C-alpha atoms as a PDB file:
ATOM      1  CA  UNK A   1     144.123  -4.970 152.944  1.00  0.00           C
ATOM      2  CA  UNK A   2     143.556  -8.549 151.796  1.00  0.00           C
ATOM      3  CA  UNK A   3     146.554 -10.566 150.655  1.00  0.00           C
ATOM      4  CA  UNK A   4     144.890 -12.177 147.612  1.00  0.00           C
ATOM      5  CA  UNK A   5     142.693 -10.827 144.820  1.00  0.00           C
ATOM      6  CA  UNK A   6     140.829 -12.273 141.864  1.00  0.00           C
ATOM      7  CA  UNK A   7     139.403 -10.224 138.985  1.00  0.00           C
ATOM      8  CA  UNK A   8     136.058 -11.010 137.345  1.00  0.00           C
ATOM      9  CA  UNK A   9     135.956  -9.763 133.756  1.00  0.00           C
ATOM     10  CA  UNK A  10     133.227  -9.474 131.131  1.00  0.00           C
ATOM     11  CA  UNK A  11     132.769 -12.304 128.659  1.00  0.00           C
ATOM     12  CA  UNK A  12     131.134 -10.052 126.064  1.00  0.00           C
ATOM     13  CA  UNK A  13     130.473  -6.495 124.948  1.00  0.00           C
ATOM     14  CA  UNK A  14     127.181  -4.882 125.936  1.00  0.00           C
ATOM     15  CA  UNK A  15     125.524  -2.910 128.701  1.00  0.00           C
ATOM     16  CA  UNK A  16     125.227  -4.117 132.264  1.00  0.00           C
ATOM     17  CA  UNK A  17     121.484  -4.144 132.789  1.00  0.00           C
ATOM     18  CA  UNK A  18     121.214  -5.881 136.177  1.00  0.00           C
ATOM     19  CA  UNK A  19     123.205  -6.541 139.337  1.00  0.00           C
ATOM     20  CA  UNK A  20     121.885  -8.634 142.215  1.00  0.00           C
ATOM     21  CA  UNK A  21     122.959  -7.040 145.517  1.00  0.00           C
ATOM     22  CA  UNK A  22     122.281 -10.290 147.393  1.00  0.00           C
ATOM     23  CA  UNK A  23     124.628 -12.233 145.089  1.00  0.00           C
ATOM     24  CA  UNK A  24     127.390  -9.658 145.617  1.00  0.00           C
ATOM     25  CA  UNK A  25     126.766  -9.663 149.373  1.00  0.00           C
ATOM     26  CA  UNK A  26     126.901 -13.454 149.621  1.00  0.00           C
ATOM     27  CA  UNK A  27     130.119 -13.465 147.581  1.00  0.00           C
ATOM     28  CA  UNK A  28     131.613 -10.940 150.007  1.00  0.00           C
ATOM     29  CA  UNK A  29     130.513 -13.046 152.985  1.00  0.00           C
ATOM     30  CA  UNK A  30     132.027 -16.150 151.404  1.00  0.00           C
ATOM     31  CA  UNK A  31     135.319 -14.279 151.009  1.00  0.00           C
ATOM     32  CA  UNK A  32     135.433 -13.737 154.777  1.00  0.00           C
ATOM     33  CA  UNK A  33     133.747 -10.354 155.218  1.00  0.00           C
ATOM     34  CA  UNK A  34     131.051 -11.804 157.466  1.00  0.00           C
ATOM     35  CA  UNK A  35     130.379 -14.610 159.902  1.00  0.00           C
ATOM     36  CA  UNK A  36     128.267 -17.759 159.742  1.00  0.00           C
ATOM     37  CA  UNK A  37     128.576 -18.136 163.526  1.00  0.00           C
ATOM     38  CA  UNK A  38     129.393 -15.624 166.238  1.00  0.00           C
ATOM     39  CA  UNK A  39     132.757 -17.255 167.014  1.00  0.00           C
ATOM     40  CA  UNK A  40     133.921 -17.152 163.356  1.00  0.00           C
ATOM     41  CA  UNK A  41     136.659 -14.628 162.526  1.00  0.00           C
ATOM     42  CA  UNK A  42     136.032 -11.761 160.109  1.00  0.00           C
ATOM     43  CA  UNK A  43     138.672 -10.671 157.596  1.00  0.00           C
ATOM     44  CA  UNK A  44     138.830  -6.890 157.646  1.00  0.00           C
ATOM     45  CA  UNK A  45     140.121  -6.693 154.052  1.00  0.00           C
ATOM     46  CA  UNK A  46     137.761  -9.267 152.525  1.00  0.00           C
ATOM     47  CA  UNK A  47     135.007  -8.240 150.135  1.00  0.00           C
ATOM     48  CA  UNK A  48     133.962  -7.400 146.602  1.00  0.00           C
ATOM     49  CA  UNK A  49     135.116  -4.249 144.837  1.00  0.00           C
ATOM     50  CA  UNK A  50     132.588  -3.213 142.178  1.00  0.00           C
ATOM     51  CA  UNK A  51     133.955  -1.618 138.982  1.00  0.00           C
ATOM     52  CA  UNK A  52     130.780  -1.490 136.850  1.00  0.00           C
ATOM     53  CA  UNK A  53     127.122  -0.853 137.642  1.00  0.00           C
ATOM     54  CA  UNK A  54     123.864  -1.228 135.717  1.00  0.00           C
ATOM     55  CA  UNK A  55     123.759   1.221 132.831  1.00  0.00           C
ATOM     56  CA  UNK A  56     127.505   1.067 132.147  1.00  0.00           C
ATOM     57  CA  UNK A  57     128.734   0.172 128.678  1.00  0.00           C
ATOM     58  CA  UNK A  58     130.908  -2.943 129.028  1.00  0.00           C
ATOM     59  CA  UNK A  59     133.703  -4.204 126.771  1.00  0.00           C
ATOM     60  CA  UNK A  60     134.739  -7.842 126.593  1.00  0.00           C
ATOM     61  CA  UNK A  61     137.575  -8.384 129.072  1.00  0.00           C
ATOM     62  CA  UNK A  62     136.660  -5.309 131.145  1.00  0.00           C
ATOM     63  CA  UNK A  63     137.071  -5.693 134.887  1.00  0.00           C
ATOM     64  CA  UNK A  64     133.663  -5.944 136.591  1.00  0.00           C
ATOM     65  CA  UNK A  65     134.607  -6.991 140.145  1.00  0.00           C
ATOM     66  CA  UNK A  66     137.743  -7.571 142.185  1.00  0.00           C
ATOM     67  CA  UNK A  67     137.420 -10.167 144.941  1.00  0.00           C
ATOM     68  CA  UNK A  68     139.578  -9.689 148.055  1.00  0.00           C
ATOM     69  CA  UNK A  69     140.440 -12.280 150.723  1.00  0.00           C
ATOM     70  CA  UNK A  70     143.252 -13.622 152.866  1.00  0.00           C
ATOM     71  CA  UNK A  71     142.103 -17.188 152.115  1.00  0.00           C
ATOM     72  CA  UNK A  72     142.375 -17.923 148.363  1.00  0.00           C
ATOM     73  CA  UNK A  73     140.469 -21.209 148.613  1.00  0.00           C
ATOM     74  CA  UNK A  74     137.358 -19.045 149.211  1.00  0.00           C
ATOM     75  CA  UNK A  75     137.391 -17.674 145.642  1.00  0.00           C
ATOM     76  CA  UNK A  76     135.514 -20.598 144.058  1.00  0.00           C
ATOM     77  CA  UNK A  77     132.496 -20.330 146.367  1.00  0.00           C
ATOM     78  CA  UNK A  78     132.423 -16.546 146.006  1.00  0.00           C
ATOM     79  CA  UNK A  79     132.495 -16.892 142.215  1.00  0.00           C
ATOM     80  CA  UNK A  80     129.607 -19.373 142.440  1.00  0.00           C
ATOM     81  CA  UNK A  81     127.604 -16.656 144.215  1.00  0.00           C
ATOM     82  CA  UNK A  82     128.351 -14.089 141.513  1.00  0.00           C
ATOM     83  CA  UNK A  83     127.362 -16.379 138.607  1.00  0.00           C
ATOM     84  CA  UNK A  84     124.001 -15.110 137.456  1.00  0.00           C
ATOM     85  CA  UNK A  85     124.302 -12.123 139.791  1.00  0.00           C
ATOM     86  CA  UNK A  86     124.649  -9.655 136.942  1.00  0.00           C
ATOM     87  CA  UNK A  87     123.475  -9.371 133.351  1.00  0.00           C
ATOM     88  CA  UNK A  88     125.304  -7.928 130.363  1.00  0.00           C
ATOM     89  CA  UNK A  89     122.950  -7.409 127.424  1.00  0.00           C
ATOM     90  CA  UNK A  90     124.711  -7.113 124.053  1.00  0.00           C
ATOM     91  CA  UNK A  91     121.593  -5.424 122.574  1.00  0.00           C
ATOM     92  CA  UNK A  92     120.944  -2.844 125.307  1.00  0.00           C
ATOM     93  CA  UNK A  93     121.529   0.879 124.894  1.00  0.00           C
ATOM     94  CA  UNK A  94     124.076   2.534 127.203  1.00  0.00           C
ATOM     95  CA  UNK A  95     122.416   4.231 130.134  1.00  0.00           C
ATOM     96  CA  UNK A  96     119.519   1.757 130.307  1.00  0.00           C
ATOM     97  CA  UNK A  97     118.481   0.705 133.778  1.00  0.00           C
ATOM     98  CA  UNK A  98     121.172   2.786 135.185  1.00  0.00           C
ATOM     99  CA  UNK A  99     122.821   5.253 137.395  1.00  0.00           C
ATOM    100  CA  UNK A 100     120.046   7.737 136.565  1.00  0.00           C
ATOM    101  CA  UNK A 101     117.618   5.456 138.424  1.00  0.00           C
ATOM    102  CA  UNK A 102     119.618   5.623 141.676  1.00  0.00           C
ATOM    103  CA  UNK A 103     117.762   8.791 142.752  1.00  0.00           C
ATOM    104  CA  UNK A 104     114.248   7.651 143.631  1.00  0.00           C
ATOM    105  CA  UNK A 105     112.872  11.038 144.635  1.00  0.00           C
ATOM    106  CA  UNK A 106     113.974  14.584 145.418  1.00  0.00           C
ATOM    107  CA  UNK A 107     112.804  16.503 148.463  1.00  0.00           C
ATOM    108  CA  UNK A 108     112.515  20.258 147.976  1.00  0.00           C
END
């Protein structure tokens, strides 16, 4: 378990229509969940906890992500990675672009 956390909350009401997996992954890496070089340490508790996914109705102030790390000075760079890594559309209809689309195909 990481010693420090930071919550990312929604700035507006709407529907989350997009989430960039690369942006979330880079944020996690910047928090210490991965290595830049083989000799770098990895923090077992570092990473990004996701609380909302595309298609979810979002309320202003709602928790979207919780960032975890043992090195709090890593938060700023992780937050830089997340900026633009998700979209909340105030005009979208709940369920758009969403969890229903996770299943690509069914095999009988």
